[in-house]
C-alpha cells in the first residue's frame, strides 16, 4: 500500500481511533462509584460536580462531563433507581444461574448498555473503512474454534431468517457446556449453517465454521441490521 493510500485510511479511521483512545466506561464506573457511595440523589448531580480535566489509569479526558452527558438521559438514569429501591426490569444471573442482588443487577445493566452503545459506534466507524466483516462470519477451517456466538435479545429474534432451536435441553445449558447440545444426533455446531439457539442465558446466533450471518450484506460486508 503506497503512502497516499495509508494517509487516506488514517483519515477515515481517525474518528473511530479517537473514541478508542478515550473509552467512556472508566468514567461511567467512576460516576457509579461516587453516586452509590456519596450523598447524591441523581447521577446528574455527580456529573455536574466532576472536575475537568480528569486523568484515569486508561486515558486523560479534557471534557468528561460532555462525554457522560451523552448517556445521562437514558442509560445512566438507570443508576438513579438504585436509591429509589426500584427492581430491575430484567433478571441478571451469574454464569451458574444464581440471581444477583438488585443493586448489582442495575449496575451491570447500566455498564452493559453504555458499553454496547459505545462499541457499536466505534465498530461502525472502523469496519466500513477497513472493509472488515469478521464479526459476522464463523471461524475459518484453520481456526481452532468450532463456532462463533452472537448474543441476541428476544426482540431481535424475528430479524434472523434462520432455523430456531428451543427445547428443555437447550434452555437448561449454555453453548459452552459439555457434552454439546445435540441436534439430530450431532453437536449443534456441526450443522454448517447459522442457527438461533435458546440457551439458559438467552438467545444467540451460532455461526459454525465457514458460515456467514444472514444479515451480512454480501458485496460490502455491512450489517443489514
C-alpha atoms as a PDB file:
ATOM      1  CA  UNK A   1       0.000   0.000   0.000  1.00  0.00           C
ATOM      2  CA  UNK A   2       1.532   3.357  -1.013  1.00  0.00           C
ATOM      3  CA  UNK A   3       1.870   6.343   1.299  1.00  0.00           C
ATOM      4  CA  UNK A   4      -1.128   8.169  -0.184  1.00  0.00           C
ATOM      5  CA  UNK A   5      -3.443   5.195   0.486  1.00  0.00           C
ATOM      6  CA  UNK A   6      -2.156   4.867   4.045  1.00  0.00           C
ATOM      7  CA  UNK A   7      -2.873   8.545   4.721  1.00  0.00           C
ATOM      8  CA  UNK A   8      -6.429   8.195   3.356  1.00  0.00           C
ATOM      9  CA  UNK A   9      -7.074   5.201   5.589  1.00  0.00           C
ATOM     10  CA  UNK A  10      -5.741   7.049   8.622  1.00  0.00           C
ATOM     11  CA  UNK A  11      -8.152   9.902   7.936  1.00  0.00           C
ATOM     12  CA  UNK A  12     -11.112   7.563   7.513  1.00  0.00           C
ATOM     13  CA  UNK A  13     -10.221   5.683  10.700  1.00  0.00           C
ATOM     14  CA  UNK A  14      -9.490   8.811  12.715  1.00  0.00           C
ATOM     15  CA  UNK A  15     -12.911   9.201  14.346  1.00  0.00           C
ATOM     16  CA  UNK A  16     -13.060   5.583  15.455  1.00  0.00           C
ATOM     17  CA  UNK A  17      -9.484   5.576  16.751  1.00  0.00           C
ATOM     18  CA  UNK A  18     -10.226   8.754  18.685  1.00  0.00           C
ATOM     19  CA  UNK A  19     -13.070   7.026  20.525  1.00  0.00           C
ATOM     20  CA  UNK A  20     -10.866   4.011  21.265  1.00  0.00           C
ATOM     21  CA  UNK A  21      -8.279   6.289  22.859  1.00  0.00           C
ATOM     22  CA  UNK A  22     -10.883   7.732  25.223  1.00  0.00           C
ATOM     23  CA  UNK A  23     -13.213   4.915  26.340  1.00  0.00           C
ATOM     24  CA  UNK A  24     -16.176   6.219  28.274  1.00  0.00           C
ATOM     25  CA  UNK A  25     -16.634   3.162  30.509  1.00  0.00           C
ATOM     26  CA  UNK A  26     -13.908   4.152  33.040  1.00  0.00           C
ATOM     27  CA  UNK A  27     -15.732   7.457  33.537  1.00  0.00           C
ATOM     28  CA  UNK A  28     -19.053   5.666  33.948  1.00  0.00           C
ATOM     29  CA  UNK A  29     -17.536   3.353  36.565  1.00  0.00           C
ATOM     30  CA  UNK A  30     -16.242   6.411  38.424  1.00  0.00           C
ATOM     31  CA  UNK A  31     -19.661   8.082  38.336  1.00  0.00           C
ATOM     32  CA  UNK A  32     -21.309   4.883  39.515  1.00  0.00           C
ATOM     33  CA  UNK A  33     -18.957   4.558  42.498  1.00  0.00           C
ATOM     34  CA  UNK A  34     -19.382   8.220  43.532  1.00  0.00           C
ATOM     35  CA  UNK A  35     -23.160   8.040  43.173  1.00  0.00           C
ATOM     36  CA  UNK A  36     -23.573   4.868  45.223  1.00  0.00           C
ATOM     37  CA  UNK A  37     -21.172   5.891  47.996  1.00  0.00           C
ATOM     38  CA  UNK A  38     -21.886   9.624  48.097  1.00  0.00           C
ATOM     39  CA  UNK A  39     -24.777  11.878  49.184  1.00  0.00           C
ATOM     40  CA  UNK A  40     -26.168  12.251  45.682  1.00  0.00           C
ATOM     41  CA  UNK A  41     -29.835  11.905  44.752  1.00  0.00           C
ATOM     42  CA  UNK A  42     -29.291  11.720  40.989  1.00  0.00           C
ATOM     43  CA  UNK A  43     -26.456  10.796  38.680  1.00  0.00           C
ATOM     44  CA  UNK A  44     -26.769  14.239  37.062  1.00  0.00           C
ATOM     45  CA  UNK A  45     -25.514  15.789  40.312  1.00  0.00           C
ATOM     46  CA  UNK A  46     -22.383  13.649  40.161  1.00  0.00           C
ATOM     47  CA  UNK A  47     -21.667  14.661  36.570  1.00  0.00           C
ATOM     48  CA  UNK A  48     -22.205  18.358  37.375  1.00  0.00           C
ATOM     49  CA  UNK A  49     -19.579  18.210  40.133  1.00  0.00           C
ATOM     50  CA  UNK A  50     -16.940  16.297  38.189  1.00  0.00           C
ATOM     51  CA  UNK A  51     -13.711  18.299  37.739  1.00  0.00           C
ATOM     52  CA  UNK A  52     -12.247  18.893  34.308  1.00  0.00           C
ATOM     53  CA  UNK A  53      -9.867  17.635  33.060  1.00  0.00           C
ATOM     54  CA  UNK A  54      -9.674  14.125  34.536  1.00  0.00           C
ATOM     55  CA  UNK A  55      -6.985  11.524  34.046  1.00  0.00           C
ATOM     56  CA  UNK A  56      -7.639   7.837  34.769  1.00  0.00           C
ATOM     57  CA  UNK A  57      -5.410   4.787  34.506  1.00  0.00           C
ATOM     58  CA  UNK A  58      -6.750   4.385  30.971  1.00  0.00           C
ATOM     59  CA  UNK A  59      -6.678   7.862  29.435  1.00  0.00           C
ATOM     60  CA  UNK A  60      -6.851  11.629  30.023  1.00  0.00           C
ATOM     61  CA  UNK A  61     -10.212  13.324  29.450  1.00  0.00           C
ATOM     62  CA  UNK A  62     -10.382  17.038  28.682  1.00  0.00           C
ATOM     63  CA  UNK A  63     -14.179  17.222  28.805  1.00  0.00           C
ATOM     64  CA  UNK A  64     -15.526  14.255  30.815  1.00  0.00           C
ATOM     65  CA  UNK A  65     -18.859  15.947  31.514  1.00  0.00           C
ATOM     66  CA  UNK A  66     -19.541  16.289  27.803  1.00  0.00           C
ATOM     67  CA  UNK A  67     -18.822  12.595  27.244  1.00  0.00           C
ATOM     68  CA  UNK A  68     -21.003  11.494  30.150  1.00  0.00           C
ATOM     69  CA  UNK A  69     -23.982  13.704  29.339  1.00  0.00           C
ATOM     70  CA  UNK A  70     -24.432  11.768  26.127  1.00  0.00           C
ATOM     71  CA  UNK A  71     -25.539   8.834  28.312  1.00  0.00           C
ATOM     72  CA  UNK A  72     -27.062  10.787  31.188  1.00  0.00           C
ATOM     73  CA  UNK A  73     -30.608  10.971  29.891  1.00  0.00           C
ATOM     74  CA  UNK A  74     -31.032   7.270  29.229  1.00  0.00           C
ATOM     75  CA  UNK A  75     -28.505   4.631  30.278  1.00  0.00           C
ATOM     76  CA  UNK A  76     -27.077   6.425  33.324  1.00  0.00           C
ATOM     77  CA  UNK A  77     -30.554   7.230  34.570  1.00  0.00           C
ATOM     78  CA  UNK A  78     -30.828   3.552  35.420  1.00  0.00           C
ATOM     79  CA  UNK A  79     -28.485   4.234  38.335  1.00  0.00           C
ATOM     80  CA  UNK A  80     -30.944   6.711  39.855  1.00  0.00           C
ATOM     81  CA  UNK A  81     -33.277   3.816  40.546  1.00  0.00           C
ATOM     82  CA  UNK A  82     -30.714   2.199  42.863  1.00  0.00           C
ATOM     83  CA  UNK A  83     -31.515   4.726  45.584  1.00  0.00           C
ATOM     84  CA  UNK A  84     -35.241   4.572  44.852  1.00  0.00           C
ATOM     85  CA  UNK A  85     -35.466   0.893  45.714  1.00  0.00           C
ATOM     86  CA  UNK A  86     -36.515   0.002  42.187  1.00  0.00           C
ATOM     87  CA  UNK A  87     -36.430  -3.569  40.905  1.00  0.00           C
ATOM     88  CA  UNK A  88     -34.605  -4.128  37.575  1.00  0.00           C
ATOM     89  CA  UNK A  89     -36.838  -4.869  34.591  1.00  0.00           C
ATOM     90  CA  UNK A  90     -34.850  -7.964  33.670  1.00  0.00           C
ATOM     91  CA  UNK A  91     -33.256 -10.667  35.769  1.00  0.00           C
ATOM     92  CA  UNK A  92     -29.462 -10.733  35.887  1.00  0.00           C
ATOM     93  CA  UNK A  93     -27.813 -14.002  36.844  1.00  0.00           C
ATOM     94  CA  UNK A  94     -24.346 -15.381  37.420  1.00  0.00           C
ATOM     95  CA  UNK A  95     -22.937 -17.894  34.937  1.00  0.00           C
ATOM     96  CA  UNK A  96     -24.161 -20.697  37.204  1.00  0.00           C
ATOM     97  CA  UNK A  97     -27.711 -19.324  37.054  1.00  0.00           C
ATOM     98  CA  UNK A  98     -27.810 -17.713  40.523  1.00  0.00           C
ATOM     99  CA  UNK A  99     -29.650 -14.390  40.606  1.00  0.00           C
ATOM    100  CA  UNK A 100     -27.645 -11.329  41.668  1.00  0.00           C
ATOM    101  CA  UNK A 101     -28.994  -8.653  44.018  1.00  0.00           C
ATOM    102  CA  UNK A 102     -30.946  -5.706  42.598  1.00  0.00           C
ATOM    103  CA  UNK A 103     -28.142  -3.135  43.032  1.00  0.00           C
ATOM    104  CA  UNK A 104     -25.632  -5.333  41.247  1.00  0.00           C
ATOM    105  CA  UNK A 105     -28.162  -6.082  38.501  1.00  0.00           C
ATOM    106  CA  UNK A 106     -28.917  -2.406  37.828  1.00  0.00           C
ATOM    107  CA  UNK A 107     -25.223  -1.559  37.914  1.00  0.00           C
ATOM    108  CA  UNK A 108     -24.391  -4.328  35.418  1.00  0.00           C
ATOM    109  CA  UNK A 109     -27.249  -3.358  33.095  1.00  0.00           C
ATOM    110  CA  UNK A 110     -26.087   0.256  33.070  1.00  0.00           C
ATOM    111  CA  UNK A 111     -22.485  -0.643  32.264  1.00  0.00           C
ATOM    112  CA  UNK A 112     -23.573  -3.145  29.608  1.00  0.00           C
ATOM    113  CA  UNK A 113     -25.831  -0.665  27.835  1.00  0.00           C
ATOM    114  CA  UNK A 114     -23.199   2.069  27.804  1.00  0.00           C
ATOM    115  CA  UNK A 115     -20.519  -0.332  26.563  1.00  0.00           C
ATOM    116  CA  UNK A 116     -22.801  -1.736  23.852  1.00  0.00           C
ATOM    117  CA  UNK A 117     -23.711   1.721  22.590  1.00  0.00           C
ATOM    118  CA  UNK A 118     -20.088   2.855  22.602  1.00  0.00           C
ATOM    119  CA  UNK A 119     -18.763  -0.236  20.802  1.00  0.00           C
ATOM    120  CA  UNK A 120     -21.495  -0.093  18.164  1.00  0.00           C
ATOM    121  CA  UNK A 121     -20.439   3.451  17.296  1.00  0.00           C
ATOM    122  CA  UNK A 122     -16.729   2.564  17.262  1.00  0.00           C
ATOM    123  CA  UNK A 123     -17.352  -0.511  15.113  1.00  0.00           C
ATOM    124  CA  UNK A 124     -19.410   1.454  12.619  1.00  0.00           C
ATOM    125  CA  UNK A 125     -16.564   3.962  12.245  1.00  0.00           C
ATOM    126  CA  UNK A 126     -13.847   1.333  11.872  1.00  0.00           C
ATOM    127  CA  UNK A 127     -15.453  -1.554   9.984  1.00  0.00           C
ATOM    128  CA  UNK A 128     -16.550   0.293   6.848  1.00  0.00           C
ATOM    129  CA  UNK A 129     -13.192   1.955   6.037  1.00  0.00           C
ATOM    130  CA  UNK A 130     -11.388  -1.336   6.632  1.00  0.00           C
ATOM    131  CA  UNK A 131     -13.936  -3.462   4.787  1.00  0.00           C
ATOM    132  CA  UNK A 132     -13.999  -5.710   7.848  1.00  0.00           C
ATOM    133  CA  UNK A 133     -16.818  -8.239   8.317  1.00  0.00           C
ATOM    134  CA  UNK A 134     -15.182 -10.618  10.819  1.00  0.00           C
ATOM    135  CA  UNK A 135     -17.895 -10.186  13.455  1.00  0.00           C
ATOM    136  CA  UNK A 136     -20.457 -11.646  11.028  1.00  0.00           C
ATOM    137  CA  UNK A 137     -18.661 -14.784   9.880  1.00  0.00           C
ATOM    138  CA  UNK A 138     -17.876 -18.112  11.504  1.00  0.00           C
ATOM    139  CA  UNK A 139     -14.366 -19.480  12.114  1.00  0.00           C
ATOM    140  CA  UNK A 140     -12.267 -20.447   9.122  1.00  0.00           C
ATOM    141  CA  UNK A 141     -11.388 -24.106   8.632  1.00  0.00           C
ATOM    142  CA  UNK A 142      -7.896 -23.473  10.003  1.00  0.00           C
ATOM    143  CA  UNK A 143      -9.128 -21.981  13.276  1.00  0.00           C
ATOM    144  CA  UNK A 144      -9.376 -23.994  16.477  1.00  0.00           C
ATOM    145  CA  UNK A 145     -12.862 -22.705  17.312  1.00  0.00           C
ATOM    146  CA  UNK A 146     -15.820 -24.776  16.172  1.00  0.00           C
ATOM    147  CA  UNK A 147     -18.241 -21.818  16.118  1.00  0.00           C
ATOM    148  CA  UNK A 148     -18.687 -18.158  16.957  1.00  0.00           C
ATOM    149  CA  UNK A 149     -21.637 -16.944  19.017  1.00  0.00           C
ATOM    150  CA  UNK A 150     -23.521 -13.634  18.824  1.00  0.00           C
ATOM    151  CA  UNK A 151     -25.935 -12.903  21.719  1.00  0.00           C
ATOM    152  CA  UNK A 152     -29.426 -11.947  20.521  1.00  0.00           C
ATOM    153  CA  UNK A 153     -32.195 -10.267  22.521  1.00  0.00           C
ATOM    154  CA  UNK A 154     -35.753 -11.579  22.430  1.00  0.00           C
ATOM    155  CA  UNK A 155     -36.822  -8.572  20.354  1.00  0.00           C
ATOM    156  CA  UNK A 156     -34.140  -9.310  17.726  1.00  0.00           C
ATOM    157  CA  UNK A 157     -35.047 -12.946  17.075  1.00  0.00           C
ATOM    158  CA  UNK A 158     -37.520 -12.061  14.309  1.00  0.00           C
ATOM    159  CA  UNK A 159     -34.768 -10.263  12.390  1.00  0.00           C
ATOM    160  CA  UNK A 160     -32.971 -13.524  11.548  1.00  0.00           C
ATOM    161  CA  UNK A 161     -34.356 -15.820   8.857  1.00  0.00           C
ATOM    162  CA  UNK A 162     -32.644 -18.971  10.142  1.00  0.00           C
ATOM    163  CA  UNK A 163     -33.713 -22.156  11.908  1.00  0.00           C
ATOM    164  CA  UNK A 164     -34.564 -21.819  15.585  1.00  0.00           C
ATOM    165  CA  UNK A 165     -33.722 -24.409  18.176  1.00  0.00           C
ATOM    166  CA  UNK A 166     -35.504 -24.209  21.503  1.00  0.00           C
ATOM    167  CA  UNK A 167     -36.022 -27.125  23.869  1.00  0.00           C
ATOM    168  CA  UNK A 168     -35.904 -28.025  27.537  1.00  0.00           C
ATOM    169  CA  UNK A 169     -32.412 -29.368  26.927  1.00  0.00           C
ATOM    170  CA  UNK A 170     -31.134 -26.162  25.307  1.00  0.00           C
ATOM    171  CA  UNK A 171     -32.692 -23.886  27.960  1.00  0.00           C
ATOM    172  CA  UNK A 172     -31.027 -25.743  30.828  1.00  0.00           C
ATOM    173  CA  UNK A 173     -27.477 -25.258  29.492  1.00  0.00           C
ATOM    174  CA  UNK A 174     -25.168 -22.763  27.789  1.00  0.00           C
ATOM    175  CA  UNK A 175     -23.447 -23.151  24.442  1.00  0.00           C
ATOM    176  CA  UNK A 176     -20.113 -23.786  26.162  1.00  0.00           C
ATOM    177  CA  UNK A 177     -21.132 -26.783  28.273  1.00  0.00           C
ATOM    178  CA  UNK A 178     -20.011 -30.349  27.647  1.00  0.00           C
ATOM    179  CA  UNK A 179     -21.353 -32.510  26.264  1.00  0.00           C
ATOM    180  CA  UNK A 180     -22.521 -30.203  23.498  1.00  0.00           C
ATOM    181  CA  UNK A 181     -26.224 -29.879  22.749  1.00  0.00           C
ATOM    182  CA  UNK A 182     -27.180 -32.481  20.160  1.00  0.00           C
ATOM    183  CA  UNK A 183     -29.326 -31.627  17.145  1.00  0.00           C
ATOM    184  CA  UNK A 184     -30.417 -34.662  15.101  1.00  0.00           C
ATOM    185  CA  UNK A 185     -27.833 -36.735  16.909  1.00  0.00           C
ATOM    186  CA  UNK A 186     -24.841 -34.452  16.273  1.00  0.00           C
ATOM    187  CA  UNK A 187     -23.255 -31.496  18.150  1.00  0.00           C
ATOM    188  CA  UNK A 188     -25.185 -28.336  17.317  1.00  0.00           C
ATOM    189  CA  UNK A 189     -22.180 -26.593  15.729  1.00  0.00           C
ATOM    190  CA  UNK A 190     -21.634 -29.289  13.063  1.00  0.00           C
ATOM    191  CA  UNK A 191     -24.719 -28.269  11.057  1.00  0.00           C
ATOM    192  CA  UNK A 192     -22.615 -25.923   8.838  1.00  0.00           C
ATOM    193  CA  UNK A 193     -25.420 -23.352   8.681  1.00  0.00           C
ATOM    194  CA  UNK A 194     -26.232 -20.478  11.076  1.00  0.00           C
ATOM    195  CA  UNK A 195     -28.994 -21.067  13.591  1.00  0.00           C
ATOM    196  CA  UNK A 196     -30.708 -19.387  16.527  1.00  0.00           C
ATOM    197  CA  UNK A 197     -30.489 -21.269  19.819  1.00  0.00           C
ATOM    198  CA  UNK A 198     -32.303 -20.548  23.068  1.00  0.00           C
ATOM    199  CA  UNK A 199     -29.868 -21.232  25.914  1.00  0.00           C
ATOM    200  CA  UNK A 200     -30.146 -20.816  29.663  1.00  0.00           C
ATOM    201  CA  UNK A 201     -28.708 -17.323  29.311  1.00  0.00           C
ATOM    202  CA  UNK A 202     -30.887 -16.325  26.351  1.00  0.00           C
ATOM    203  CA  UNK A 203     -30.894 -16.467  22.573  1.00  0.00           C
ATOM    204  CA  UNK A 204     -27.769 -16.445  20.422  1.00  0.00           C
ATOM    205  CA  UNK A 205     -26.874 -16.781  16.769  1.00  0.00           C
ATOM    206  CA  UNK A 206     -24.449 -19.649  16.232  1.00  0.00           C
ATOM    207  CA  UNK A 207     -22.065 -19.293  13.289  1.00  0.00           C
ATOM    208  CA  UNK A 208     -20.350 -22.632  12.540  1.00  0.00           C
ATOM    209  CA  UNK A 209     -17.116 -22.869  10.563  1.00  0.00           C
ATOM    210  CA  UNK A 210     -17.167 -21.124   7.157  1.00  0.00           C
ATOM    211  CA  UNK A 211     -20.705 -19.753   7.670  1.00  0.00           C
ATOM    212  CA  UNK A 212     -21.993 -16.178   7.456  1.00  0.00           C
ATOM    213  CA  UNK A 213     -24.639 -14.231   9.330  1.00  0.00           C
ATOM    214  CA  UNK A 214     -27.745 -13.998   7.104  1.00  0.00           C
ATOM    215  CA  UNK A 215     -27.885 -10.264   7.787  1.00  0.00           C
ATOM    216  CA  UNK A 216     -24.360  -9.627   6.500  1.00  0.00           C
ATOM    217  CA  UNK A 217     -24.576  -7.819   3.157  1.00  0.00           C
ATOM    218  CA  UNK A 218     -22.649  -9.851   0.592  1.00  0.00           C
ATOM    219  CA  UNK A 219     -20.804  -7.251  -1.506  1.00  0.00           C
ATOM    220  CA  UNK A 220     -19.624  -4.678   1.062  1.00  0.00           C
ATOM    221  CA  UNK A 221     -19.880  -6.734   4.235  1.00  0.00           C
ATOM    222  CA  UNK A 222     -22.203  -4.286   6.002  1.00  0.00           C
ATOM    223  CA  UNK A 223     -24.625  -5.359   8.704  1.00  0.00           C
ATOM    224  CA  UNK A 224     -28.177  -5.018   7.395  1.00  0.00           C
ATOM    225  CA  UNK A 225     -29.488  -4.541  10.944  1.00  0.00           C
END
